[in-house]
Amino acid sequence: MIIVVDTNIIIAALIKNSISRKILLDKEINFICPEESLIEIKNHKAEIQEKAILSNEEFEIVLSIIFENITIISKEEYIQLIPETISLIDDKKDVPFLALAIAKKADYIWSEDEHFIKQNKVKILKTKDLLFF
């Protein structure tokens, strides 16, 4: 099973040792994310560290542990689908996630964002849905 992970899910897992983190560490699920996710996380590193009360070293350790089970996919692998997906979703920052899901034939996108529900190309899971996998 392939699941595209929304950046906010990863950030939540970085901030707190939560159910999201436990799910992301499940080796039975193939998690992927667009390269934009790592860029966004790095751009918000200070804010995440403050909320999580993590030093630089602790942040990097937690980040590397979480990304042991998430494959970062290069933009080149889904960029051709961006024009097709841009009209399918309201939040343009999430276009890469939908394009990636379609390009990699992902089973789901894992997100708490409501605007993903408006499209019908890829099924959406919320965290509570993954509790039963």
Protein backbone atom coordinates (compact mmCIF):
# COMPACT_ATOMS: atom_id res chain seq x y z
CA MET A 1 0.00 0.00 0.00
CA ILE A 2 1.31 3.46 -0.93
CA ILE A 3 0.22 6.51 1.07
CA VAL A 4 1.19 10.10 0.26
CA VAL A 5 1.72 11.97 3.52
CA ASP A 6 0.72 15.62 3.90
CA THR A 7 3.45 17.82 5.41
CA ASN A 8 1.20 18.81 8.33
CA ILE A 9 1.04 15.16 9.40
CA ILE A 10 4.84 14.96 9.43
CA ILE A 11 5.10 18.24 11.34
CA ALA A 12 2.60 16.96 13.92
CA ALA A 13 4.73 13.83 14.33
CA LEU A 14 7.83 15.96 14.79
CA ILE A 15 6.21 18.11 17.45
CA LYS A 16 4.74 15.35 19.58
CA ASN A 17 5.26 11.64 20.10
CA SER A 18 1.70 11.06 18.97
CA ILE A 19 -0.37 8.50 17.12
CA SER A 20 0.76 10.18 13.88
CA ARG A 21 4.38 9.41 14.73
CA LYS A 22 3.53 5.81 15.62
CA ILE A 23 1.70 5.35 12.31
CA LEU A 24 4.57 6.90 10.33
CA LEU A 25 6.96 4.40 11.92
CA ASP A 26 4.84 1.44 10.74
CA LYS A 27 7.10 -0.48 8.35
CA GLU A 28 4.10 -2.25 6.80
CA ILE A 29 3.01 0.94 5.03
CA ASN A 30 4.92 2.56 2.16
CA PHE A 31 4.80 6.30 2.87
CA ILE A 32 5.90 8.84 0.27
CA CYS A 33 5.95 12.62 0.09
CA PRO A 34 6.95 15.26 -2.45
CA GLU A 35 10.32 16.95 -2.00
CA GLU A 36 8.42 20.14 -1.12
CA SER A 37 7.59 18.56 2.25
CA LEU A 38 11.19 18.49 3.41
CA ILE A 39 11.72 22.06 2.17
CA GLU A 40 8.65 23.24 4.10
CA ILE A 41 9.78 21.42 7.24
CA LYS A 42 13.24 22.99 7.01
CA ASN A 43 11.65 26.42 6.45
CA HIS A 44 9.63 26.00 9.67
CA LYS A 45 12.37 24.27 11.66
CA ALA A 46 12.66 26.98 14.35
CA GLU A 47 8.90 27.05 14.91
CA ILE A 48 8.71 23.25 15.09
CA GLN A 49 11.66 23.10 17.49
CA GLU A 50 10.05 25.69 19.73
CA LYS A 51 6.72 23.86 19.88
CA ALA A 52 8.40 20.48 20.38
CA ILE A 53 11.05 21.84 22.75
CA LEU A 54 13.82 20.17 20.72
CA SER A 55 17.46 21.18 20.35
CA ASN A 56 18.98 21.20 16.85
CA GLU A 57 20.45 17.77 17.44
CA GLU A 58 17.20 16.34 18.83
CA PHE A 59 15.24 17.81 15.90
CA GLU A 60 17.58 16.19 13.38
CA ILE A 61 17.39 12.84 15.17
CA VAL A 62 13.58 12.82 15.28
CA LEU A 63 13.42 14.01 11.66
CA SER A 64 15.75 11.24 10.49
CA ILE A 65 13.81 8.59 12.43
CA ILE A 66 10.52 9.71 10.89
CA PHE A 67 11.99 9.87 7.39
CA GLU A 68 13.41 6.35 7.67
CA ASN A 69 9.95 5.21 6.62
CA ILE A 70 9.01 8.03 4.22
CA THR A 71 10.42 8.11 0.71
CA ILE A 72 10.97 11.61 -0.63
CA ILE A 73 10.00 11.77 -4.30
CA SER A 74 11.71 14.21 -6.64
CA LYS A 75 9.51 16.79 -8.35
CA GLU A 76 10.63 15.45 -11.74
CA GLU A 77 8.61 12.31 -11.07
CA TYR A 78 5.24 14.11 -10.89
CA ILE A 79 5.73 17.59 -12.39
CA GLN A 80 4.06 16.55 -15.66
CA LEU A 81 0.78 16.02 -13.75
CA ILE A 82 0.72 19.43 -12.06
CA PRO A 83 -1.21 21.16 -14.89
CA GLU A 84 -3.85 18.41 -14.76
CA THR A 85 -4.24 18.53 -10.97
CA ILE A 86 -4.12 22.28 -10.40
CA SER A 87 -7.83 22.64 -11.16
CA LEU A 88 -8.81 19.74 -8.89
CA ILE A 89 -7.86 21.27 -5.55
CA ASP A 90 -8.43 24.68 -3.96
CA ASP A 91 -5.19 24.98 -2.01
CA LYS A 92 -2.47 25.30 -4.63
CA LYS A 93 0.22 24.34 -2.08
CA ASP A 94 -1.28 20.86 -2.06
CA VAL A 95 -1.19 20.33 -5.82
CA PRO A 96 2.17 18.47 -5.58
CA PHE A 97 0.64 15.94 -3.16
CA LEU A 98 -2.22 15.15 -5.51
CA ALA A 99 0.06 15.06 -8.56
CA LEU A 100 2.44 12.72 -6.72
CA ALA A 101 -0.41 10.44 -5.64
CA ILE A 102 -1.63 10.14 -9.22
CA ALA A 103 1.87 9.69 -10.67
CA LYS A 104 2.77 6.94 -8.20
CA LYS A 105 -0.70 5.37 -8.23
CA ALA A 106 -0.92 5.86 -4.48
CA ASP A 107 -3.76 4.18 -2.65
CA TYR A 108 -4.39 7.20 -0.43
CA ILE A 109 -3.38 10.67 0.63
CA TRP A 110 -3.12 11.03 4.41
CA SER A 111 -4.24 14.52 5.38
CA GLU A 112 -6.50 16.34 7.77
CA ASP A 113 -7.08 19.09 5.16
CA GLU A 114 -10.73 19.22 4.06
CA HIS A 115 -10.03 20.55 0.57
CA PHE A 116 -8.58 17.19 -0.50
CA ILE A 117 -12.07 15.71 -0.17
CA LYS A 118 -13.35 17.84 -3.08
CA GLN A 119 -11.26 15.91 -5.62
CA ASN A 120 -12.12 12.38 -6.71
CA LYS A 121 -8.83 11.09 -8.14
CA VAL A 122 -7.31 9.72 -4.92
CA LYS A 123 -8.94 8.47 -1.72
CA ILE A 124 -8.22 10.48 1.42
CA LEU A 125 -7.46 9.12 4.87
CA LYS A 126 -7.52 10.99 8.13
CA THR A 127 -5.42 9.93 11.10
CA LYS A 128 -8.40 8.24 12.75
CA ASP A 129 -8.87 6.09 9.63
CA LEU A 130 -5.33 4.76 9.90
CA LEU A 131 -5.93 3.48 13.41
CA PHE A 132 -7.72 0.49 11.89
CA PHE A 133 -5.05 -0.50 9.35
